[in-house]
Amino acid sequence: MADLSLFDLSGRTALITGSSQGIGHALAAGLAKAGANLVLNGRDEAKLADAAARLAGTCASIHQLAFDVTDHAAARTAIDAFEASVGAIDICVNNAGMQHRAPLEEFPADAFERLMRTNVHSVFNVGQAVARHMIGRGHGKIINIASAQSALARPSIAPYTATKGAVANLTKGMATDWARHGLQCNAIAPGYFDTPLNAALVADPDFSAWLEKRTPAGRWGRVDELAGACIFLASDASSFVNGHTLYVDGGITVSL
C-alpha cells in the first residue's frame, strides 16, 4: 500500500494569502482536512473573520492575519510578529491576486501597476518574509498560484498574462536560490475555475459554451479540485519537487 502519511500535514501551519473567498478559501479548507493549522490572510478584517467562522472546527487552530500583501514592510512586520508570538509558518500559499480586463491599446496604466503589485509584488513580499524564517529552520514549503495564462494568452488580459508568467518564473528563481536551504518552492497553475474573479465569465453563456468546447474536460473547474495539488506540494510527498508549475486545468493548455 502507498504510504499516505507522506501527505499528512498534522502539526504544520499554513499561511494562505487572499483566503477570504474563492481559490484561497478552498485551498485553506483542503489543507485543514490534511491536518494543517491555518493562518488566513486578507485586507478586510470582517471578511477574514467570516472566512474563519466558515472553517471553524476543521483543524486544531485558525489564525487571522490581516495585512496588505502589496506592502513589503507590512507583510514582513506581520509575518515576523506571528513567528515571534505564535510559532513557525511551515507552508506559505501565495494566492492573492486580481484581474482587470480591457483591450491592451486602451489598458489603463494605473490598472497595470495595480495588477503587478497584487499579482507579482505580493509573491515576492510574502515569499521573502516567510523564507527568511524557513531558511533558518532548514525546511519550508512555498506554493505560488500561477495560471493557465502563465503559458497562454487571451484578448483583453495581456497584463494579467504578464503577471502570471512572472509568477511562474519567480517560482523558478525561488527554488534556485532556496532549495539548498531545504525549501521546496513550486506553483499551481489553475485553468478556468468558477470563482468570484471569473464571475462575469461564468455568467456569460457564450463564453461558457466556448470554454466547454475548448477544454478537453468539457467544463469549468471546481475550486475544491485544486486542493489535492496543494496538499501534494505542501507535504513530504513532494520533497524533491522544486521550481515546478503544476497545471490543474482540465487539459486546456495541452490541446489545440
C-alpha atoms as a PDB file:
ATOM      1  CA  MET A   1       0.000   0.000   0.000  1.00  0.00           C
ATOM      2  CA  ALA A   2       1.062   3.588  -0.611  1.00  0.00           C
ATOM      3  CA  ASP A   3       2.450   5.456   2.378  1.00  0.00           C
ATOM      4  CA  LEU A   4      -0.322   8.028   2.770  1.00  0.00           C
ATOM      5  CA  SER A   5       1.453   9.504   5.794  1.00  0.00           C
ATOM      6  CA  LEU A   6       3.580  11.383   3.242  1.00  0.00           C
ATOM      7  CA  PHE A   7       0.548  13.620   2.659  1.00  0.00           C
ATOM      8  CA  ASP A   8      -0.179  14.202   6.354  1.00  0.00           C
ATOM      9  CA  LEU A   9       0.136  17.862   7.358  1.00  0.00           C
ATOM     10  CA  SER A  10      -0.699  17.406  11.023  1.00  0.00           C
ATOM     11  CA  GLY A  11       1.119  19.870  13.268  1.00  0.00           C
ATOM     12  CA  ARG A  12       2.151  22.145  10.403  1.00  0.00           C
ATOM     13  CA  THR A  13       0.969  25.717   9.969  1.00  0.00           C
ATOM     14  CA  ALA A  14      -0.046  27.116   6.592  1.00  0.00           C
ATOM     15  CA  LEU A  15      -0.394  30.787   5.670  1.00  0.00           C
ATOM     16  CA  ILE A  16      -2.728  31.321   2.707  1.00  0.00           C
ATOM     17  CA  THR A  17      -2.922  34.832   1.279  1.00  0.00           C
ATOM     18  CA  GLY A  18      -6.217  36.046  -0.142  1.00  0.00           C
ATOM     19  CA  SER A  19      -8.071  33.286   1.680  1.00  0.00           C
ATOM     20  CA  SER A  20     -11.348  35.054   2.476  1.00  0.00           C
ATOM     21  CA  GLN A  21     -13.015  33.589  -0.613  1.00  0.00           C
ATOM     22  CA  GLY A  22     -12.547  31.740  -3.873  1.00  0.00           C
ATOM     23  CA  ILE A  23      -9.472  29.635  -4.555  1.00  0.00           C
ATOM     24  CA  GLY A  24      -7.646  30.772  -1.413  1.00  0.00           C
ATOM     25  CA  HIS A  25     -10.515  29.738   0.830  1.00  0.00           C
ATOM     26  CA  ALA A  26     -10.816  26.366  -0.932  1.00  0.00           C
ATOM     27  CA  LEU A  27      -7.087  25.719  -0.554  1.00  0.00           C
ATOM     28  CA  ALA A  28      -7.283  26.585   3.139  1.00  0.00           C
ATOM     29  CA  ALA A  29     -10.142  24.106   3.573  1.00  0.00           C
ATOM     30  CA  GLY A  30      -8.174  21.401   1.762  1.00  0.00           C
ATOM     31  CA  LEU A  31      -5.029  21.945   3.819  1.00  0.00           C
ATOM     32  CA  ALA A  32      -7.099  21.813   7.015  1.00  0.00           C
ATOM     33  CA  LYS A  33      -8.546  18.441   6.000  1.00  0.00           C
ATOM     34  CA  ALA A  34      -4.977  17.180   5.612  1.00  0.00           C
ATOM     35  CA  GLY A  35      -4.243  18.258   9.185  1.00  0.00           C
ATOM     36  CA  ALA A  36      -2.680  21.703   8.802  1.00  0.00           C
ATOM     37  CA  ASN A  37      -3.340  24.622  11.113  1.00  0.00           C
ATOM     38  CA  LEU A  38      -4.405  27.728   9.207  1.00  0.00           C
ATOM     39  CA  VAL A  39      -3.320  31.349   9.040  1.00  0.00           C
ATOM     40  CA  LEU A  40      -5.866  33.190   6.918  1.00  0.00           C
ATOM     41  CA  ASN A  41      -4.884  36.457   5.263  1.00  0.00           C
ATOM     42  CA  GLY A  42      -6.747  39.319   3.668  1.00  0.00           C
ATOM     43  CA  ARG A  43      -7.112  43.091   3.990  1.00  0.00           C
ATOM     44  CA  ASP A  44     -10.763  43.112   5.071  1.00  0.00           C
ATOM     45  CA  GLU A  45     -10.916  42.008   8.703  1.00  0.00           C
ATOM     46  CA  ALA A  46     -14.682  41.411   8.593  1.00  0.00           C
ATOM     47  CA  LYS A  47     -14.416  39.115   5.563  1.00  0.00           C
ATOM     48  CA  LEU A  48     -11.468  37.373   7.191  1.00  0.00           C
ATOM     49  CA  ALA A  49     -13.478  36.735  10.358  1.00  0.00           C
ATOM     50  CA  ASP A  50     -16.345  35.333   8.284  1.00  0.00           C
ATOM     51  CA  ALA A  51     -13.940  33.027   6.427  1.00  0.00           C
ATOM     52  CA  ALA A  52     -12.505  31.797   9.732  1.00  0.00           C
ATOM     53  CA  ALA A  53     -16.017  31.132  11.051  1.00  0.00           C
ATOM     54  CA  ARG A  54     -16.841  29.036   7.960  1.00  0.00           C
ATOM     55  CA  LEU A  55     -13.739  26.917   8.582  1.00  0.00           C
ATOM     56  CA  ALA A  56     -14.264  26.588  12.339  1.00  0.00           C
ATOM     57  CA  GLY A  57     -13.766  23.047  13.583  1.00  0.00           C
ATOM     58  CA  THR A  58     -11.867  21.849  10.513  1.00  0.00           C
ATOM     59  CA  CYS A  59      -8.430  21.992  12.163  1.00  0.00           C
ATOM     60  CA  ALA A  60      -6.718  22.481  15.507  1.00  0.00           C
ATOM     61  CA  SER A  61      -6.258  26.233  15.136  1.00  0.00           C
ATOM     62  CA  ILE A  62      -7.212  29.060  12.787  1.00  0.00           C
ATOM     63  CA  HIS A  63      -5.479  32.422  12.969  1.00  0.00           C
ATOM     64  CA  GLN A  64      -6.402  35.620  11.158  1.00  0.00           C
ATOM     65  CA  LEU A  65      -3.518  37.750   9.910  1.00  0.00           C
ATOM     66  CA  ALA A  66      -4.809  40.917   8.257  1.00  0.00           C
ATOM     67  CA  PHE A  67      -2.221  42.789   6.190  1.00  0.00           C
ATOM     68  CA  ASP A  68      -1.808  44.154   2.674  1.00  0.00           C
ATOM     69  CA  VAL A  69       0.311  41.734   0.655  1.00  0.00           C
ATOM     70  CA  THR A  70       1.310  44.529  -1.729  1.00  0.00           C
ATOM     71  CA  ASP A  71       3.041  46.382   1.117  1.00  0.00           C
ATOM     72  CA  HIS A  72       6.512  44.903   1.628  1.00  0.00           C
ATOM     73  CA  ALA A  73       7.033  46.380   5.096  1.00  0.00           C
ATOM     74  CA  ALA A  74       3.550  45.395   6.284  1.00  0.00           C
ATOM     75  CA  ALA A  75       3.995  41.812   5.090  1.00  0.00           C
ATOM     76  CA  ARG A  76       7.337  41.425   6.820  1.00  0.00           C
ATOM     77  CA  THR A  77       6.122  43.046  10.047  1.00  0.00           C
ATOM     78  CA  ALA A  78       3.019  40.834  10.242  1.00  0.00           C
ATOM     79  CA  ILE A  79       4.889  37.617   9.468  1.00  0.00           C
ATOM     80  CA  ASP A  80       7.775  38.395  11.823  1.00  0.00           C
ATOM     81  CA  ALA A  81       5.300  39.172  14.608  1.00  0.00           C
ATOM     82  CA  PHE A  82       3.380  35.941  14.025  1.00  0.00           C
ATOM     83  CA  GLU A  83       6.562  33.863  14.053  1.00  0.00           C
ATOM     84  CA  ALA A  84       7.690  35.535  17.286  1.00  0.00           C
ATOM     85  CA  SER A  85       4.391  35.360  19.164  1.00  0.00           C
ATOM     86  CA  VAL A  86       2.599  32.273  17.797  1.00  0.00           C
ATOM     87  CA  GLY A  87       5.039  29.992  16.001  1.00  0.00           C
ATOM     88  CA  ALA A  88       6.555  28.837  12.739  1.00  0.00           C
ATOM     89  CA  ILE A  89       4.885  29.133   9.357  1.00  0.00           C
ATOM     90  CA  ASP A  90       5.749  25.855   7.631  1.00  0.00           C
ATOM     91  CA  ILE A  91       3.721  26.343   4.443  1.00  0.00           C
ATOM     92  CA  CYS A  92       3.056  29.541   2.519  1.00  0.00           C
ATOM     93  CA  VAL A  93       0.487  29.698  -0.272  1.00  0.00           C
ATOM     94  CA  ASN A  94       0.764  32.932  -2.264  1.00  0.00           C
ATOM     95  CA  ASN A  95      -2.751  33.077  -3.655  1.00  0.00           C
ATOM     96  CA  ALA A  96      -3.771  36.758  -3.504  1.00  0.00           C
ATOM     97  CA  GLY A  97      -4.478  38.102  -6.972  1.00  0.00           C
ATOM     98  CA  MET A  98      -6.726  40.236  -9.149  1.00  0.00           C
ATOM     99  CA  GLN A  99      -7.891  40.605 -12.744  1.00  0.00           C
ATOM    100  CA  HIS A 100      -8.630  43.616 -14.963  1.00  0.00           C
ATOM    101  CA  ARG A 101      -9.946  43.238 -18.494  1.00  0.00           C
ATOM    102  CA  ALA A 102      -9.515  45.821 -21.242  1.00  0.00           C
ATOM    103  CA  PRO A 103      -8.085  45.967 -24.786  1.00  0.00           C
ATOM    104  CA  LEU A 104      -4.324  46.336 -24.483  1.00  0.00           C
ATOM    105  CA  GLU A 105      -4.263  49.554 -26.503  1.00  0.00           C
ATOM    106  CA  GLU A 106      -6.708  51.093 -24.014  1.00  0.00           C
ATOM    107  CA  PHE A 107      -5.435  49.414 -20.840  1.00  0.00           C
ATOM    108  CA  PRO A 108      -5.137  51.984 -18.011  1.00  0.00           C
ATOM    109  CA  ALA A 109      -1.612  52.447 -16.683  1.00  0.00           C
ATOM    110  CA  ASP A 110      -2.831  52.520 -13.086  1.00  0.00           C
ATOM    111  CA  ALA A 111      -4.621  49.184 -13.585  1.00  0.00           C
ATOM    112  CA  PHE A 112      -1.422  47.674 -14.998  1.00  0.00           C
ATOM    113  CA  GLU A 113       0.530  48.853 -11.949  1.00  0.00           C
ATOM    114  CA  ARG A 114      -2.158  47.528  -9.594  1.00  0.00           C
ATOM    115  CA  LEU A 115      -2.029  44.122 -11.298  1.00  0.00           C
ATOM    116  CA  MET A 116       1.744  43.998 -10.917  1.00  0.00           C
ATOM    117  CA  ARG A 117       1.601  44.929  -7.228  1.00  0.00           C
ATOM    118  CA  THR A 118      -1.175  42.477  -6.422  1.00  0.00           C
ATOM    119  CA  ASN A 119      -0.123  39.508  -8.547  1.00  0.00           C
ATOM    120  CA  VAL A 120       3.689  39.743  -8.575  1.00  0.00           C
ATOM    121  CA  HIS A 121       4.972  42.047  -5.840  1.00  0.00           C
ATOM    122  CA  SER A 122       2.847  40.185  -3.286  1.00  0.00           C
ATOM    123  CA  VAL A 123       4.549  36.882  -4.120  1.00  0.00           C
ATOM    124  CA  PHE A 124       7.952  38.481  -3.584  1.00  0.00           C
ATOM    125  CA  ASN A 125       6.872  40.330  -0.435  1.00  0.00           C
ATOM    126  CA  VAL A 126       5.283  37.402   1.376  1.00  0.00           C
ATOM    127  CA  GLY A 127       7.611  34.762  -0.069  1.00  0.00           C
ATOM    128  CA  GLN A 128      10.703  36.620   1.071  1.00  0.00           C
ATOM    129  CA  ALA A 129       9.268  37.301   4.535  1.00  0.00           C
ATOM    130  CA  VAL A 130       8.439  33.653   5.226  1.00  0.00           C
ATOM    131  CA  ALA A 131      11.601  32.339   3.563  1.00  0.00           C
ATOM    132  CA  ARG A 132      13.816  34.301   5.966  1.00  0.00           C
ATOM    133  CA  HIS A 133      12.414  32.166   8.789  1.00  0.00           C
ATOM    134  CA  MET A 134      12.232  28.907   6.816  1.00  0.00           C
ATOM    135  CA  ILE A 135      15.890  29.179   5.798  1.00  0.00           C
ATOM    136  CA  GLY A 136      16.938  29.339   9.434  1.00  0.00           C
ATOM    137  CA  ARG A 137      14.973  26.179  10.191  1.00  0.00           C
ATOM    138  CA  GLY A 138      16.239  24.332   7.115  1.00  0.00           C
ATOM    139  CA  HIS A 139      12.809  23.476   5.705  1.00  0.00           C
ATOM    140  CA  GLY A 140       9.655  25.057   4.315  1.00  0.00           C
ATOM    141  CA  LYS A 141       7.099  24.949   1.520  1.00  0.00           C
ATOM    142  CA  ILE A 142       6.193  27.884  -0.707  1.00  0.00           C
ATOM    143  CA  ILE A 143       3.366  27.424  -3.199  1.00  0.00           C
ATOM    144  CA  ASN A 144       2.597  30.239  -5.624  1.00  0.00           C
ATOM    145  CA  ILE A 145      -0.660  30.414  -7.549  1.00  0.00           C
ATOM    146  CA  ALA A 146       0.135  30.929 -11.214  1.00  0.00           C
ATOM    147  CA  SER A 147      -2.412  30.381 -14.005  1.00  0.00           C
ATOM    148  CA  ALA A 148      -3.060  28.764 -17.351  1.00  0.00           C
ATOM    149  CA  GLN A 149      -2.205  32.288 -18.510  1.00  0.00           C
ATOM    150  CA  SER A 150       1.366  31.621 -17.400  1.00  0.00           C
ATOM    151  CA  ALA A 151       1.580  29.745 -20.709  1.00  0.00           C
ATOM    152  CA  LEU A 152      -1.289  31.111 -22.815  1.00  0.00           C
ATOM    153  CA  ALA A 153      -2.801  34.492 -23.671  1.00  0.00           C
ATOM    154  CA  ARG A 154      -6.324  35.675 -24.442  1.00  0.00           C
ATOM    155  CA  PRO A 155      -7.641  39.008 -25.726  1.00  0.00           C
ATOM    156  CA  SER A 156      -8.105  41.782 -23.145  1.00  0.00           C
ATOM    157  CA  ILE A 157      -5.905  40.287 -20.386  1.00  0.00           C
ATOM    158  CA  ALA A 158      -2.351  40.824 -21.665  1.00  0.00           C
ATOM    159  CA  PRO A 159      -1.102  42.452 -18.416  1.00  0.00           C
ATOM    160  CA  TYR A 160      -2.633  39.665 -16.320  1.00  0.00           C
ATOM    161  CA  THR A 161      -0.855  37.168 -18.580  1.00  0.00           C
ATOM    162  CA  ALA A 162       2.400  39.042 -17.979  1.00  0.00           C
ATOM    163  CA  THR A 163       1.946  38.873 -14.216  1.00  0.00           C
ATOM    164  CA  LYS A 164       1.226  35.153 -14.184  1.00  0.00           C
ATOM    165  CA  GLY A 165       4.205  34.442 -16.421  1.00  0.00           C
ATOM    166  CA  ALA A 166       6.258  36.377 -13.885  1.00  0.00           C
ATOM    167  CA  VAL A 167       4.862  34.276 -11.027  1.00  0.00           C
ATOM    168  CA  ALA A 168       5.909  31.060 -12.770  1.00  0.00           C
ATOM    169  CA  ASN A 169       9.430  32.379 -13.372  1.00  0.00           C
ATOM    170  CA  LEU A 170       9.732  33.860  -9.881  1.00  0.00           C
ATOM    171  CA  THR A 171       8.882  30.393  -8.596  1.00  0.00           C
ATOM    172  CA  LYS A 172      11.835  29.004 -10.541  1.00  0.00           C
ATOM    173  CA  GLY A 173      14.043  31.698  -9.058  1.00  0.00           C
ATOM    174  CA  MET A 174      12.873  30.945  -5.523  1.00  0.00           C
ATOM    175  CA  ALA A 175      13.715  27.277  -5.997  1.00  0.00           C
ATOM    176  CA  THR A 176      17.106  28.124  -7.477  1.00  0.00           C
ATOM    177  CA  ASP A 177      18.056  30.328  -4.522  1.00  0.00           C
ATOM    178  CA  TRP A 178      16.375  28.482  -1.667  1.00  0.00           C
ATOM    179  CA  ALA A 179      16.399  24.751  -2.468  1.00  0.00           C
ATOM    180  CA  ARG A 180      19.860  24.437  -0.943  1.00  0.00           C
ATOM    181  CA  HIS A 181      18.364  25.677   2.331  1.00  0.00           C
ATOM    182  CA  GLY A 182      15.765  22.888   2.400  1.00  0.00           C
ATOM    183  CA  LEU A 183      12.847  24.792   0.883  1.00  0.00           C
ATOM    184  CA  GLN A 184      10.581  23.498  -1.880  1.00  0.00           C
ATOM    185  CA  CYS A 185       9.107  26.314  -3.974  1.00  0.00           C
ATOM    186  CA  ASN A 186       6.520  25.357  -6.580  1.00  0.00           C
ATOM    187  CA  ALA A 187       3.458  26.772  -8.315  1.00  0.00           C
ATOM    188  CA  ILE A 188      -0.059  25.642  -9.145  1.00  0.00           C
ATOM    189  CA  ALA A 189      -1.492  26.930 -12.427  1.00  0.00           C
ATOM    190  CA  PRO A 190      -5.291  26.737 -12.404  1.00  0.00           C
ATOM    191  CA  GLY A 191      -7.244  26.767 -15.626  1.00  0.00           C
ATOM    192  CA  TYR A 192     -10.749  28.211 -15.681  1.00  0.00           C
ATOM    193  CA  PHE A 193     -12.476  27.822 -12.325  1.00  0.00           C
ATOM    194  CA  ASP A 194     -15.844  29.040 -11.121  1.00  0.00           C
ATOM    195  CA  THR A 195     -14.667  31.762  -8.701  1.00  0.00           C
ATOM    196  CA  PRO A 196     -15.669  35.343  -7.832  1.00  0.00           C
ATOM    197  CA  LEU A 197     -12.766  36.519 -10.015  1.00  0.00           C
ATOM    198  CA  ASN A 198     -14.389  34.798 -13.014  1.00  0.00           C
ATOM    199  CA  ALA A 199     -17.998  35.647 -12.133  1.00  0.00           C
ATOM    200  CA  ALA A 200     -18.547  37.735 -15.263  1.00  0.00           C
ATOM    201  CA  LEU A 201     -17.261  34.935 -17.493  1.00  0.00           C
ATOM    202  CA  VAL A 202     -19.270  32.244 -15.717  1.00  0.00           C
ATOM    203  CA  ALA A 203     -22.401  34.346 -16.218  1.00  0.00           C
ATOM    204  CA  ASP A 204     -21.687  34.744 -19.952  1.00  0.00           C
ATOM    205  CA  PRO A 205     -23.346  31.813 -21.777  1.00  0.00           C
ATOM    206  CA  ASP A 206     -21.302  32.381 -24.933  1.00  0.00           C
ATOM    207  CA  PHE A 207     -18.012  32.286 -23.029  1.00  0.00           C
ATOM    208  CA  SER A 208     -19.044  29.203 -21.041  1.00  0.00           C
ATOM    209  CA  ALA A 209     -20.029  27.429 -24.246  1.00  0.00           C
ATOM    210  CA  TRP A 210     -16.667  28.333 -25.807  1.00  0.00           C
ATOM    211  CA  LEU A 211     -14.797  27.174 -22.711  1.00  0.00           C
ATOM    212  CA  GLU A 212     -16.589  23.830 -22.584  1.00  0.00           C
ATOM    213  CA  LYS A 213     -15.630  23.179 -26.215  1.00  0.00           C
ATOM    214  CA  ARG A 214     -12.055  24.440 -25.727  1.00  0.00           C
ATOM    215  CA  THR A 215     -11.321  22.418 -22.573  1.00  0.00           C
ATOM    216  CA  PRO A 216     -10.834  18.649 -23.057  1.00  0.00           C
ATOM    217  CA  ALA A 217     -12.622  18.025 -19.734  1.00  0.00           C
ATOM    218  CA  GLY A 218     -15.588  19.932 -21.153  1.00  0.00           C
ATOM    219  CA  ARG A 219     -16.410  22.094 -18.122  1.00  0.00           C
ATOM    220  CA  TRP A 220     -15.383  24.748 -15.622  1.00  0.00           C
ATOM    221  CA  GLY A 221     -13.183  23.554 -12.756  1.00  0.00           C
ATOM    222  CA  ARG A 222     -14.445  23.368  -9.175  1.00  0.00           C
ATOM    223  CA  VAL A 223     -12.242  25.116  -6.622  1.00  0.00           C
ATOM    224  CA  ASP A 224     -12.108  22.025  -4.407  1.00  0.00           C
ATOM    225  CA  GLU A 225     -10.328  20.238  -7.271  1.00  0.00           C
ATOM    226  CA  LEU A 226      -7.232  22.334  -6.547  1.00  0.00           C
ATOM    227  CA  ALA A 227      -6.845  21.030  -3.007  1.00  0.00           C
ATOM    228  CA  GLY A 228      -5.100  17.774  -3.932  1.00  0.00           C
ATOM    229  CA  ALA A 229      -2.339  19.546  -5.836  1.00  0.00           C
ATOM    230  CA  CYS A 230      -1.836  21.948  -2.942  1.00  0.00           C
ATOM    231  CA  ILE A 231      -1.669  19.147  -0.356  1.00  0.00           C
ATOM    232  CA  PHE A 232       0.872  17.309  -2.513  1.00  0.00           C
ATOM    233  CA  LEU A 233       3.131  20.362  -2.857  1.00  0.00           C
ATOM    234  CA  ALA A 234       2.750  21.222   0.841  1.00  0.00           C
ATOM    235  CA  SER A 235       3.604  17.721   2.049  1.00  0.00           C
ATOM    236  CA  ASP A 236       6.604  15.408   2.309  1.00  0.00           C
ATOM    237  CA  ALA A 237       5.326  13.656  -0.820  1.00  0.00           C
ATOM    238  CA  SER A 238       6.941  16.454  -2.878  1.00  0.00           C
ATOM    239  CA  SER A 239      10.274  16.553  -1.036  1.00  0.00           C
ATOM    240  CA  PHE A 240      12.277  16.520  -4.306  1.00  0.00           C
ATOM    241  CA  VAL A 241       9.905  18.645  -6.409  1.00  0.00           C
ATOM    242  CA  ASN A 242      11.272  22.163  -6.855  1.00  0.00           C
ATOM    243  CA  GLY A 243      10.641  25.044  -9.237  1.00  0.00           C
ATOM    244  CA  HIS A 244       7.779  23.182 -10.881  1.00  0.00           C
ATOM    245  CA  THR A 245       4.499  24.641 -12.148  1.00  0.00           C
ATOM    246  CA  LEU A 246       1.680  22.107 -11.840  1.00  0.00           C
ATOM    247  CA  TYR A 247      -1.173  22.805 -14.271  1.00  0.00           C
ATOM    248  CA  VAL A 248      -4.632  21.923 -12.978  1.00  0.00           C
ATOM    249  CA  ASP A 249      -6.675  22.970 -15.987  1.00  0.00           C
ATOM    250  CA  GLY A 250      -8.765  20.147 -17.406  1.00  0.00           C
ATOM    251  CA  GLY A 251      -6.245  19.843 -20.250  1.00  0.00           C
ATOM    252  CA  ILE A 252      -6.754  23.322 -21.758  1.00  0.00           C
ATOM    253  CA  THR A 253      -3.010  24.038 -22.049  1.00  0.00           C
ATOM    254  CA  VAL A 254      -2.179  20.779 -23.848  1.00  0.00           C
ATOM    255  CA  SER A 255      -4.853  20.748 -26.543  1.00  0.00           C
ATOM    256  CA  LEU A 256      -5.479  22.769 -29.659  1.00  0.00           C
END
